[in-house]
């Protein structure tokens, strides 16, 4: 169409000139058209040569539970979300308790089924149905509930207003800027366990309950005794578990050849830093750059894991919306659409929103509207998804979120000093700022493993992490263990392979996808054996 339009304009321009010089102009026109046609033919031959034969993999989206829909309301209380979470996970916790303390509990369950007396002596352990009844039993018992962590460092609007009214000056009379820590956890944090009936304070006389290793919102079983002052002395902990099973026939991976999923995060289109990287990525995926036969032709799907648009900070002088400011906001979207349209013409792409992208802020973030990407939306291979993301690619379960990048450092002499929180974000970021370094959560990969182990994608929501007030269910509860668990826009690439808590002889791959604009690194996951490796384009800072 562009070729035809150019030809028509050229003819009209020639016909509009003097008839005396028209013959020579026609000759020049024909010469230019021949050169253009030759150039287009050579380009077509080049495109044909680089056409990639990619592996065909089955795709099944599973993120539908994160789509809120049109009938949404923010008028309900968040207590419903905690109640639904506990009810959804209570059976999983009981299953884990039977596995850990099963010898005594099994006898009790048999007695209960025979309608015999519930009085037990010696080493018998009972599961107390509600916390309010725990004080009636001074013997060893098991409570099941949701943890609540009392952290003095957690933001409080009243404390913030009080601090804002106080001014501190240095010796020269200048006002001292207040340093705000992004870390909520502290040495003097306390825990409570709650359910539908009430709360009970938790203590641990033998240090079996590691306070700094848990976060608010974790559903857990605690073994211990009620003390004289009404607190619960924890002797042992038992987290939830998945229903143990093996992959059924037809659920196993059915590929004997290498097939890769390319995960890239933090394109930050609109940034002035390494502006060429998104186009280099598009050239690589489409086969115009790098070793096509070894890797590129085996990429079956691309996941763009959030923060694709650079977040612009608006100054006080730019509070008024002008035509120029609106154009500046649209240009990054147009550039991203151009890059994505090149990639989706060659391979399927799933676009996951992030904190800096034009969508809602609280979890779960909803898919982009198709009108934001007019060129990419024309392809059936383009799919805008939710954050969190969940899908089965060639019967391999992928589950993950995009992070919230932060430039704030943890300021505490006994915590993660000089560690930027840009390594984690949203659910991962929130878990890390609610735990201390002395716990097992030291890196984003540790936080991902914690999410998998405790069967919940965002345990700190809605306490310190914003989310929609779901009333009928908690969509963040994990009923199946993912094969690949990832988090995007991290500070550096990190991966780990752990034993699957659900499936026998199966592993779970944890992947921290780094910020592409800053590092020039993407992640490749092989669907055949869950192996993962970084791929560097060598231009990052």
Protein backbone atom coordinates (compact mmCIF):
# COMPACT_ATOMS: atom_id res chain seq x y z
CA UNK A 1 0.00 0.00 0.00
CA UNK A 2 2.87 2.40 0.75
CA UNK A 3 4.46 1.46 -2.59
CA UNK A 4 1.20 2.19 -4.46
CA UNK A 5 0.72 5.47 -2.59
CA UNK A 6 4.26 6.60 -3.44
CA UNK A 7 3.75 5.67 -7.11
CA UNK A 8 0.46 7.66 -7.31
CA UNK A 9 2.00 10.73 -5.71
CA UNK A 10 4.95 10.57 -8.12
CA UNK A 11 2.65 10.33 -11.16
CA UNK A 12 0.58 13.29 -9.97
CA UNK A 13 3.71 15.37 -9.40
CA UNK A 14 4.98 14.58 -12.92
CA UNK A 15 1.64 15.41 -14.57
CA UNK A 16 1.54 18.76 -12.83
CA UNK A 17 4.78 20.04 -14.38
CA UNK A 18 5.46 21.63 -17.79
CA UNK A 19 4.84 19.19 -20.71
CA UNK A 20 8.21 20.12 -22.24
CA UNK A 21 10.19 18.66 -19.33
CA UNK A 22 7.68 15.92 -18.61
CA UNK A 23 9.57 13.28 -20.64
CA UNK A 24 12.79 13.60 -18.64
CA UNK A 25 10.85 13.56 -15.36
CA UNK A 26 9.11 10.35 -16.42
CA UNK A 27 12.45 8.74 -17.12
CA UNK A 28 13.74 9.72 -13.66
CA UNK A 29 10.53 8.41 -12.11
CA UNK A 30 10.85 5.03 -13.81
CA UNK A 31 14.49 4.79 -12.70
CA UNK A 32 13.56 5.48 -9.07
CA UNK A 33 10.69 2.98 -9.20
CA UNK A 34 12.99 0.27 -10.59
CA UNK A 35 15.49 0.89 -7.78
CA UNK A 36 12.69 0.82 -5.18
CA UNK A 37 11.30 -2.41 -6.60
CA UNK A 38 14.75 -4.04 -6.60
CA UNK A 39 15.32 -2.97 -2.99
CA UNK A 40 11.91 -4.32 -1.90
CA UNK A 41 12.55 -7.63 -3.68
CA UNK A 42 15.88 -8.09 -1.92
CA UNK A 43 14.23 -7.26 1.43
CA UNK A 44 11.49 -9.83 0.76
CA UNK A 45 14.10 -12.46 -0.03
CA UNK A 46 15.93 -11.58 3.22
CA UNK A 47 12.76 -11.89 5.28
CA UNK A 48 12.03 -15.24 3.66
CA UNK A 49 15.52 -16.46 4.51
CA UNK A 50 15.15 -15.54 8.20
CA UNK A 51 11.68 -17.06 8.58
CA UNK A 52 11.87 -19.21 11.72
CA UNK A 53 10.37 -22.63 12.20
CA UNK A 54 9.57 -22.62 15.91
CA UNK A 55 8.45 -25.52 18.12
CA UNK A 56 4.69 -25.76 18.53
CA UNK A 57 3.67 -25.86 22.18
CA UNK A 58 0.30 -26.09 23.86
CA UNK A 59 -0.87 -23.01 25.76
CA UNK A 60 -3.56 -22.86 28.45
CA UNK A 61 -4.24 -19.59 30.31
CA UNK A 62 -5.03 -19.97 34.01
CA UNK A 63 -5.07 -16.34 35.17
CA UNK A 64 -8.85 -15.95 34.78
CA UNK A 65 -9.31 -16.02 38.57
CA UNK A 66 -7.38 -12.73 38.80
CA UNK A 67 -9.77 -10.87 36.46
CA UNK A 68 -12.07 -8.76 38.62
CA UNK A 69 -14.79 -7.99 36.07
CA UNK A 70 -17.21 -5.10 35.82
CA UNK A 71 -19.17 -5.82 39.03
CA UNK A 72 -16.48 -4.65 41.42
CA UNK A 73 -17.04 -2.89 44.70
CA UNK A 74 -14.70 -1.36 47.27
CA UNK A 75 -17.41 -0.96 49.90
CA UNK A 76 -16.81 -4.30 51.64
CA UNK A 77 -14.40 -4.97 54.49
CA UNK A 78 -11.10 -6.81 54.06
CA UNK A 79 -12.00 -9.17 56.90
CA UNK A 80 -13.90 -11.31 54.39
CA UNK A 81 -10.66 -11.92 52.51
CA UNK A 82 -8.87 -13.22 55.63
CA UNK A 83 -11.82 -15.46 56.52
CA UNK A 84 -11.98 -16.96 53.04
CA UNK A 85 -8.20 -17.50 53.03
CA UNK A 86 -8.35 -19.42 56.31
CA UNK A 87 -11.28 -21.55 55.18
CA UNK A 88 -9.63 -22.34 51.85
CA UNK A 89 -6.33 -23.36 53.45
CA UNK A 90 -7.49 -25.03 56.68
CA UNK A 91 -7.74 -28.50 55.13
CA UNK A 92 -4.28 -28.11 53.59
CA UNK A 93 -2.86 -27.28 57.02
CA UNK A 94 -4.66 -30.24 58.64
CA UNK A 95 -3.21 -32.50 55.97
CA UNK A 96 0.25 -31.24 56.87
CA UNK A 97 -0.42 -31.70 60.59
CA UNK A 98 -1.45 -35.32 60.03
CA UNK A 99 1.79 -35.88 58.16
CA UNK A 100 3.92 -34.35 60.92
CA UNK A 101 2.08 -35.43 64.09
CA UNK A 102 -0.04 -38.18 62.59
CA UNK A 103 0.57 -41.04 65.06
CA UNK A 104 -1.32 -39.39 67.91
CA UNK A 105 -3.89 -37.49 65.88
CA UNK A 106 -4.99 -40.54 63.95
CA UNK A 107 -5.97 -42.27 67.20
CA UNK A 108 -7.95 -39.22 68.25
CA UNK A 109 -9.78 -39.05 64.92
CA UNK A 110 -10.77 -42.71 65.28
CA UNK A 111 -12.10 -42.06 68.78
CA UNK A 112 -14.03 -39.03 67.53
CA UNK A 113 -15.59 -41.09 64.77
CA UNK A 114 -16.69 -43.72 67.31
CA UNK A 115 -18.29 -40.97 69.42
CA UNK A 116 -16.05 -41.89 72.33
CA UNK A 117 -14.80 -39.56 75.03
CA UNK A 118 -12.60 -36.67 73.94
CA UNK A 119 -10.53 -36.83 77.13
CA UNK A 120 -6.93 -37.80 76.35
CA UNK A 121 -3.92 -38.29 78.53
CA UNK A 122 -0.19 -38.68 78.16
CA UNK A 123 1.23 -37.69 74.79
CA UNK A 124 -2.10 -37.21 73.00
CA UNK A 125 -2.44 -33.97 71.01
CA UNK A 126 -5.73 -32.37 70.02
CA UNK A 127 -6.57 -29.87 67.33
CA UNK A 128 -8.58 -27.07 68.92
CA UNK A 129 -11.28 -25.96 66.51
CA UNK A 130 -11.31 -22.31 67.55
CA UNK A 131 -8.83 -20.06 69.34
CA UNK A 132 -11.40 -18.91 71.87
CA UNK A 133 -11.55 -22.48 73.21
CA UNK A 134 -7.77 -22.79 73.54
CA UNK A 135 -7.74 -21.25 77.03
CA UNK A 136 -9.94 -24.09 78.31
CA UNK A 137 -7.23 -26.65 77.56
CA UNK A 138 -3.92 -26.37 79.44
CA UNK A 139 -2.42 -29.44 77.76
CA UNK A 140 -0.45 -29.59 74.53
CA UNK A 141 -2.71 -28.74 71.62
CA UNK A 142 -2.61 -27.52 68.04
CA UNK A 143 -4.12 -24.25 66.87
CA UNK A 144 -4.77 -23.37 63.23
CA UNK A 145 -5.11 -19.74 62.23
CA UNK A 146 -3.70 -16.74 60.41
CA UNK A 147 -0.56 -15.02 61.68
CA UNK A 148 -0.56 -11.29 62.40
CA UNK A 149 2.80 -9.58 62.88
CA UNK A 150 2.85 -6.39 64.94
CA UNK A 151 5.61 -4.21 63.46
CA UNK A 152 6.40 -0.76 64.84
CA UNK A 153 8.04 0.19 61.56
CA UNK A 154 4.83 -0.32 59.62
CA UNK A 155 3.39 2.94 58.23
CA UNK A 156 0.80 4.61 60.42
CA UNK A 157 -0.94 7.74 59.20
CA UNK A 158 -1.28 9.20 62.71
CA UNK A 159 2.42 8.70 63.44
CA UNK A 160 3.34 10.21 60.09
CA UNK A 161 1.28 13.33 60.80
CA UNK A 162 2.86 13.61 64.23
CA UNK A 163 6.38 13.29 62.82
CA UNK A 164 5.61 15.77 60.06
CA UNK A 165 4.75 18.41 62.68
CA UNK A 166 8.14 18.02 64.38
CA UNK A 167 11.14 19.87 62.96
CA UNK A 168 14.78 18.96 63.58
CA UNK A 169 17.62 21.40 62.90
CA UNK A 170 21.37 20.93 62.62
CA UNK A 171 23.99 23.19 64.26
CA UNK A 172 23.75 25.68 61.37
CA UNK A 173 20.02 26.08 61.83
CA UNK A 174 19.05 24.12 58.71
CA UNK A 175 16.16 21.72 58.83
CA UNK A 176 17.33 18.09 58.80
CA UNK A 177 15.64 15.88 56.23
CA UNK A 178 14.01 12.86 57.83
CA UNK A 179 15.31 9.47 56.66
CA UNK A 180 12.42 7.10 56.04
CA UNK A 181 13.26 3.40 56.13
CA UNK A 182 11.54 1.05 53.73
CA UNK A 183 11.98 -1.81 56.20
CA UNK A 184 8.98 -2.52 58.40
CA UNK A 185 10.38 -5.41 60.47
CA UNK A 186 12.30 -4.89 63.71
CA UNK A 187 13.84 -6.80 66.59
CA UNK A 188 10.88 -6.17 68.91
CA UNK A 189 8.16 -7.47 66.56
CA UNK A 190 5.45 -9.64 68.13
CA UNK A 191 3.02 -12.18 66.71
CA UNK A 192 -0.60 -13.11 67.21
CA UNK A 193 -2.67 -15.95 65.81
CA UNK A 194 -6.25 -15.23 64.82
CA UNK A 195 -9.28 -16.98 63.36
CA UNK A 196 -13.00 -16.26 63.16
CA UNK A 197 -13.38 -16.44 66.96
CA UNK A 198 -10.55 -14.21 68.19
CA UNK A 199 -6.81 -13.71 68.73
CA UNK A 200 -4.12 -15.08 71.02
CA UNK A 201 -0.62 -13.73 71.70
CA UNK A 202 2.28 -15.97 70.71
CA UNK A 203 5.53 -16.54 72.61
CA UNK A 204 8.30 -19.14 72.28
CA UNK A 205 10.27 -20.11 75.38
CA UNK A 206 12.57 -22.50 73.46
CA UNK A 207 13.01 -20.32 70.34
CA UNK A 208 11.32 -22.94 68.18
CA UNK A 209 9.11 -20.22 66.68
CA UNK A 210 11.33 -18.01 64.50
CA UNK A 211 9.49 -14.71 64.64
CA UNK A 212 11.51 -12.99 61.91
CA UNK A 213 10.97 -15.79 59.40
CA UNK A 214 7.19 -15.26 59.10
CA UNK A 215 4.95 -12.50 57.77
CA UNK A 216 1.40 -11.37 58.35
CA UNK A 217 -1.25 -13.38 56.52
CA UNK A 218 0.44 -16.78 56.67
CA UNK A 219 -1.98 -19.59 57.52
CA UNK A 220 -0.20 -22.02 59.84
CA UNK A 221 -0.62 -24.65 62.57
CA UNK A 222 1.12 -24.14 65.92
CA UNK A 223 1.76 -26.81 68.53
CA UNK A 224 2.09 -25.67 72.13
CA UNK A 225 0.41 -24.85 75.43
CA UNK A 226 -1.56 -21.94 76.85
CA UNK A 227 0.36 -20.15 79.65
CA UNK A 228 -1.00 -18.67 82.85
CA UNK A 229 -1.22 -15.17 81.37
CA UNK A 230 -3.25 -16.42 78.38
CA UNK A 231 -0.46 -16.45 75.80
CA UNK A 232 0.31 -19.46 73.63
CA UNK A 233 3.81 -20.91 74.07
CA UNK A 234 4.79 -22.32 70.66
CA UNK A 235 6.74 -25.59 70.66
CA UNK A 236 6.59 -26.41 66.93
CA UNK A 237 5.17 -25.02 63.69
CA UNK A 238 3.58 -26.72 60.74
CA UNK A 239 2.77 -24.89 57.51
CA UNK A 240 0.25 -25.79 54.82
CA UNK A 241 0.98 -28.31 52.11
CA UNK A 242 -0.31 -29.26 48.70
CA UNK A 243 -2.24 -32.45 48.09
CA UNK A 244 0.53 -34.93 47.33
CA UNK A 245 0.06 -36.59 43.95
CA UNK A 246 1.79 -37.61 40.76
CA UNK A 247 1.25 -36.12 37.34
CA UNK A 248 -1.53 -37.97 35.56
CA UNK A 249 -1.14 -39.45 32.12
CA UNK A 250 -1.55 -36.65 29.61
CA UNK A 251 -0.35 -34.02 32.10
CA UNK A 252 3.33 -34.76 31.62
CA UNK A 253 5.42 -32.77 29.19
CA UNK A 254 5.31 -34.29 25.71
CA UNK A 255 8.39 -32.78 24.10
CA UNK A 256 11.72 -34.41 23.44
CA UNK A 257 13.25 -31.33 21.86
CA UNK A 258 14.40 -28.07 23.36
CA UNK A 259 11.71 -25.39 23.54
CA UNK A 260 12.39 -22.12 25.35
CA UNK A 261 10.31 -19.48 27.05
CA UNK A 262 12.05 -16.10 26.96
CA UNK A 263 11.28 -13.89 29.96
CA UNK A 264 12.23 -10.21 29.80
CA UNK A 265 11.30 -7.55 32.34
CA UNK A 266 11.76 -3.81 32.78
CA UNK A 267 11.90 -2.65 29.17
CA UNK A 268 11.20 0.87 30.50
CA UNK A 269 10.40 2.29 27.08
CA UNK A 270 10.68 6.07 27.28
CA UNK A 271 13.83 6.01 29.40
CA UNK A 272 16.94 7.82 28.20
CA UNK A 273 19.15 4.93 29.36
CA UNK A 274 20.18 2.31 26.77
CA UNK A 275 17.41 3.34 24.38
CA UNK A 276 18.51 0.82 21.75
CA UNK A 277 17.96 -2.30 23.88
CA UNK A 278 14.23 -2.91 23.14
CA UNK A 279 14.90 -2.85 19.39
CA UNK A 280 17.93 -5.14 19.81
CA UNK A 281 15.65 -7.57 21.65
CA UNK A 282 13.10 -7.45 18.83
CA UNK A 283 15.81 -8.09 16.22
CA UNK A 284 17.10 -11.05 18.21
CA UNK A 285 13.70 -12.70 18.72
CA UNK A 286 12.70 -12.25 15.06
CA UNK A 287 15.93 -13.85 13.87
CA UNK A 288 17.80 -10.82 12.52
CA UNK A 289 20.47 -10.97 15.20
CA UNK A 290 22.51 -13.71 16.85
CA UNK A 291 22.66 -17.46 16.32
CA UNK A 292 19.27 -18.25 14.81
CA UNK A 293 19.53 -22.04 14.68
CA UNK A 294 20.81 -22.66 18.20
CA UNK A 295 18.49 -20.53 20.37
CA UNK A 296 16.26 -18.08 18.51
CA UNK A 297 14.41 -20.66 16.41
CA UNK A 298 13.63 -22.64 19.59
CA UNK A 299 11.92 -19.77 21.44
CA UNK A 300 8.29 -20.86 21.68
CA UNK A 301 6.89 -17.95 23.71
CA UNK A 302 7.94 -14.58 25.12
CA UNK A 303 6.81 -13.27 28.51
CA UNK A 304 7.18 -9.50 28.98
CA UNK A 305 7.14 -9.34 32.77
CA UNK A 306 5.99 -5.84 33.60
CA UNK A 307 7.35 -2.30 33.94
CA UNK A 308 7.48 -1.93 30.16
CA UNK A 309 6.83 1.82 30.33
CA UNK A 310 9.18 4.24 32.06
CA UNK A 311 7.52 5.92 35.04
CA UNK A 312 7.76 9.69 34.70
CA UNK A 313 7.92 11.75 37.87
CA UNK A 314 5.68 14.80 37.60
CA UNK A 315 7.03 17.99 39.13
CA UNK A 316 4.88 20.60 40.82
CA UNK A 317 5.32 22.89 37.81
CA UNK A 318 3.76 20.27 35.53
CA UNK A 319 0.56 19.73 37.45
CA UNK A 320 -1.44 21.24 34.60
CA UNK A 321 -2.15 18.82 31.76
CA UNK A 322 -1.07 20.32 28.46
CA UNK A 323 -1.01 18.99 24.92
CA UNK A 324 2.75 18.59 25.09
CA UNK A 325 2.59 16.57 28.32
CA UNK A 326 -0.12 14.34 26.86
CA UNK A 327 2.04 13.68 23.81
CA UNK A 328 5.00 12.81 26.02
CA UNK A 329 2.82 10.26 27.79
CA UNK A 330 1.65 8.65 24.55
CA UNK A 331 5.04 8.36 22.86
CA UNK A 332 6.40 5.53 25.08
CA UNK A 333 3.24 3.51 24.40
CA UNK A 334 3.66 3.99 20.66
CA UNK A 335 7.32 2.94 20.85
CA UNK A 336 6.45 -0.14 22.90
CA UNK A 337 3.67 -1.03 20.47
CA UNK A 338 6.15 -0.80 17.59
CA UNK A 339 8.62 -3.15 19.31
CA UNK A 340 5.93 -5.64 20.36
CA UNK A 341 4.36 -5.69 16.88
CA UNK A 342 7.69 -6.87 15.48
CA UNK A 343 8.00 -9.64 18.07
CA UNK A 344 4.39 -10.91 17.88
CA UNK A 345 4.71 -11.24 14.10
CA UNK A 346 7.23 -14.01 14.80
CA UNK A 347 6.36 -15.57 18.19
CA UNK A 348 3.46 -15.45 20.73
CA UNK A 349 3.86 -12.78 23.42
CA UNK A 350 2.21 -12.45 26.85
CA UNK A 351 2.30 -8.88 28.16
CA UNK A 352 2.15 -8.67 31.97
CA UNK A 353 1.53 -5.24 33.59
CA UNK A 354 3.75 -3.77 36.28
CA UNK A 355 3.82 -0.95 38.81
CA UNK A 356 4.95 1.70 36.30
CA UNK A 357 2.54 0.64 33.54
CA UNK A 358 -0.81 2.31 32.67
CA UNK A 359 -3.13 0.02 34.62
CA UNK A 360 -4.61 -0.20 38.12
CA UNK A 361 -2.16 -0.06 41.04
CA UNK A 362 -3.50 -2.67 43.49
CA UNK A 363 -3.25 -6.41 42.95
CA UNK A 364 -4.36 -8.11 40.86
CA UNK A 365 -3.45 -5.69 38.07
CA UNK A 366 -5.80 -6.02 35.13
CA UNK A 367 -4.83 -6.57 31.47
CA UNK A 368 -4.05 -3.60 29.23
CA UNK A 369 -6.83 -2.32 27.03
CA UNK A 370 -6.26 -3.33 23.38
CA UNK A 371 -6.55 0.30 22.23
CA UNK A 372 -3.19 1.04 23.91
CA UNK A 373 -1.47 -1.29 21.44
CA UNK A 374 -3.29 -0.91 18.09
CA UNK A 375 -0.56 -2.55 16.00
CA UNK A 376 0.21 -5.49 18.31
CA UNK A 377 -3.48 -6.18 19.01
CA UNK A 378 -4.03 -7.08 15.36
CA UNK A 379 -2.11 -10.31 15.91
CA UNK A 380 -3.74 -13.31 17.55
CA UNK A 381 -0.32 -14.13 19.02
CA UNK A 382 -0.51 -11.04 21.26
CA UNK A 383 -2.08 -11.57 24.68
CA UNK A 384 -2.49 -9.00 27.44
CA UNK A 385 -2.66 -10.74 30.83
CA UNK A 386 -3.05 -9.98 34.51
CA UNK A 387 -0.42 -9.50 37.20
CA UNK A 388 -0.08 -12.08 38.81
CA UNK A 389 0.37 -14.28 35.76
CA UNK A 390 -0.51 -17.97 35.56
CA UNK A 391 -0.56 -20.28 32.55
CA UNK A 392 0.40 -23.74 31.33
CA UNK A 393 2.92 -23.70 28.48
CA UNK A 394 3.36 -27.16 27.04
CA UNK A 395 1.87 -28.51 30.30
CA UNK A 396 4.48 -26.66 32.34
CA UNK A 397 2.86 -24.37 34.93
CA UNK A 398 4.25 -20.81 34.96
CA UNK A 399 3.30 -18.56 37.88
CA UNK A 400 4.76 -15.18 38.72
CA UNK A 401 4.41 -11.46 39.27
CA UNK A 402 6.05 -8.28 38.20
CA UNK A 403 7.91 -6.42 40.90
CA UNK A 404 7.74 -2.89 42.18
CA UNK A 405 11.12 -1.29 41.80
CA UNK A 406 12.24 0.99 44.61
CA UNK A 407 15.32 3.10 45.07
CA UNK A 408 15.01 3.07 48.84
CA UNK A 409 17.61 1.15 50.84
CA UNK A 410 17.07 -0.71 54.06
CA UNK A 411 18.48 1.49 56.84
CA UNK A 412 19.16 -0.66 59.87
CA UNK A 413 22.44 -1.71 61.42
CA UNK A 414 21.14 -5.17 62.22
CA UNK A 415 19.23 -5.75 58.99
CA UNK A 416 19.98 -5.65 55.27
CA UNK A 417 22.22 -2.60 55.28
CA UNK A 418 23.08 -1.12 51.88
CA UNK A 419 20.77 -3.59 50.14
CA UNK A 420 18.48 -1.94 47.59
CA UNK A 421 14.88 -3.04 47.59
CA UNK A 422 14.89 -2.88 43.80
CA UNK A 423 15.70 -6.59 43.99
CA UNK A 424 12.11 -7.34 44.89
CA UNK A 425 8.67 -5.90 44.44
CA UNK A 426 4.97 -6.04 45.17
CA UNK A 427 4.50 -9.44 46.83
CA UNK A 428 8.24 -10.29 46.89
CA UNK A 429 9.22 -6.77 47.90
CA UNK A 430 6.65 -6.75 50.67
CA UNK A 431 7.81 -10.09 52.10
CA UNK A 432 11.41 -8.88 52.21
CA UNK A 433 10.64 -5.64 54.01
CA UNK A 434 8.58 -7.54 56.60
CA UNK A 435 11.46 -9.91 57.48
CA UNK A 436 14.97 -9.45 58.87
CA UNK A 437 18.30 -10.67 57.53
CA UNK A 438 18.67 -13.11 60.42
CA UNK A 439 15.74 -15.04 58.93
CA UNK A 440 15.96 -17.31 55.92
CA UNK A 441 14.62 -14.60 53.58
CA UNK A 442 17.76 -12.83 52.38
CA UNK A 443 17.19 -12.62 48.59
CA UNK A 444 14.19 -12.42 46.25
CA UNK A 445 14.73 -16.12 45.47
CA UNK A 446 14.24 -16.87 49.17
CA UNK A 447 10.97 -14.93 49.09
CA UNK A 448 9.81 -16.92 46.04
CA UNK A 449 10.61 -20.17 47.85
CA UNK A 450 8.63 -18.95 50.87
CA UNK A 451 5.64 -18.26 48.60
CA UNK A 452 5.81 -21.79 47.18
CA UNK A 453 6.25 -23.43 50.59
CA UNK A 454 3.35 -21.62 52.27
CA UNK A 455 0.94 -21.99 49.34
CA UNK A 456 0.09 -18.30 49.03
CA UNK A 457 1.11 -15.80 46.37
CA UNK A 458 0.66 -12.60 48.42
CA UNK A 459 0.39 -13.35 52.15
CA UNK A 460 0.97 -9.73 53.23
CA UNK A 461 -2.04 -8.50 51.23
CA UNK A 462 -4.08 -6.59 52.27
CA UNK A 463 -2.13 -5.62 55.42
CA UNK A 464 0.91 -3.92 53.85
CA UNK A 465 0.23 -4.71 50.18
CA UNK A 466 -2.73 -3.23 48.35
CA UNK A 467 -5.20 -5.67 46.81
CA UNK A 468 -8.84 -5.82 45.78
CA UNK A 469 -11.26 -6.69 48.65
CA UNK A 470 -12.40 -10.09 47.41
CA UNK A 471 -15.45 -11.30 49.27
CA UNK A 472 -16.20 -14.79 47.99
CA UNK A 473 -12.66 -16.21 47.62
CA UNK A 474 -8.96 -15.50 47.91
CA UNK A 475 -7.51 -15.93 44.40
CA UNK A 476 -3.92 -15.80 45.70
CA UNK A 477 -4.21 -19.18 47.46
CA UNK A 478 -2.17 -21.81 45.59
CA UNK A 479 -3.87 -25.18 45.18
CA UNK A 480 -1.26 -26.53 42.74
CA UNK A 481 2.48 -26.11 43.01
CA UNK A 482 3.88 -24.26 39.96
CA UNK A 483 6.66 -25.76 37.87
CA UNK A 484 8.22 -22.34 37.26
CA UNK A 485 7.86 -19.52 39.79
CA UNK A 486 9.24 -16.15 38.69
CA UNK A 487 9.46 -12.52 39.69
CA UNK A 488 10.34 -9.71 37.30
CA UNK A 489 12.33 -6.46 37.31
CA UNK A 490 14.88 -7.65 39.87
CA UNK A 491 18.29 -6.07 40.37
CA UNK A 492 20.17 -9.13 39.08
CA UNK A 493 19.52 -12.55 37.59
CA UNK A 494 19.08 -15.36 40.11
CA UNK A 495 17.68 -18.87 39.83
CA UNK A 496 17.25 -21.93 42.03
CA UNK A 497 15.85 -25.44 41.65
CA UNK A 498 13.92 -26.86 44.61
CA UNK A 499 12.00 -30.08 45.20
CA UNK A 500 8.34 -29.71 44.36
CA UNK A 501 6.27 -29.75 47.58
CA UNK A 502 3.42 -31.45 45.67
CA UNK A 503 4.60 -33.73 42.91
CA UNK A 504 6.85 -36.73 43.40
CA UNK A 505 10.13 -36.76 41.46
CA UNK A 506 9.43 -33.23 40.27
CA UNK A 507 11.28 -29.95 40.68
CA UNK A 508 10.19 -26.32 40.86
CA UNK A 509 12.31 -23.68 39.14
CA UNK A 510 12.60 -20.26 40.83
CA UNK A 511 13.65 -17.38 38.54
CA UNK A 512 14.41 -13.72 39.30
CA UNK A 513 14.26 -11.87 35.98
CA UNK A 514 16.51 -8.76 36.04
CA UNK A 515 15.67 -5.27 34.81
CA UNK A 516 16.45 -5.45 31.09
CA UNK A 517 17.04 -1.74 30.56
CA UNK A 518 19.72 -1.63 33.28
CA UNK A 519 21.38 -5.02 32.79
CA UNK A 520 20.65 -6.05 29.20
CA UNK A 521 19.87 -9.55 30.52
CA UNK A 522 16.84 -11.75 29.85
CA UNK A 523 16.07 -15.28 31.11
CA UNK A 524 15.59 -18.45 29.06
CA UNK A 525 13.67 -21.39 30.57
CA UNK A 526 13.83 -24.74 28.79
CA UNK A 527 10.46 -26.51 28.85
CA UNK A 528 12.18 -29.86 28.43
CA UNK A 529 14.12 -30.02 31.70
CA UNK A 530 13.33 -26.72 33.54
CA UNK A 531 16.90 -25.54 33.06
CA UNK A 532 17.31 -21.78 33.13
CA UNK A 533 20.10 -19.49 31.98
CA UNK A 534 20.56 -15.76 31.43
CA UNK A 535 21.04 -14.36 27.96
CA UNK A 536 22.99 -11.10 27.87
CA UNK A 537 22.92 -8.58 25.04
CA UNK A 538 26.08 -6.94 26.37
CA UNK A 539 24.84 -3.35 26.36
CA UNK A 540 23.66 -2.98 29.95
CA UNK A 541 25.38 -0.77 32.49
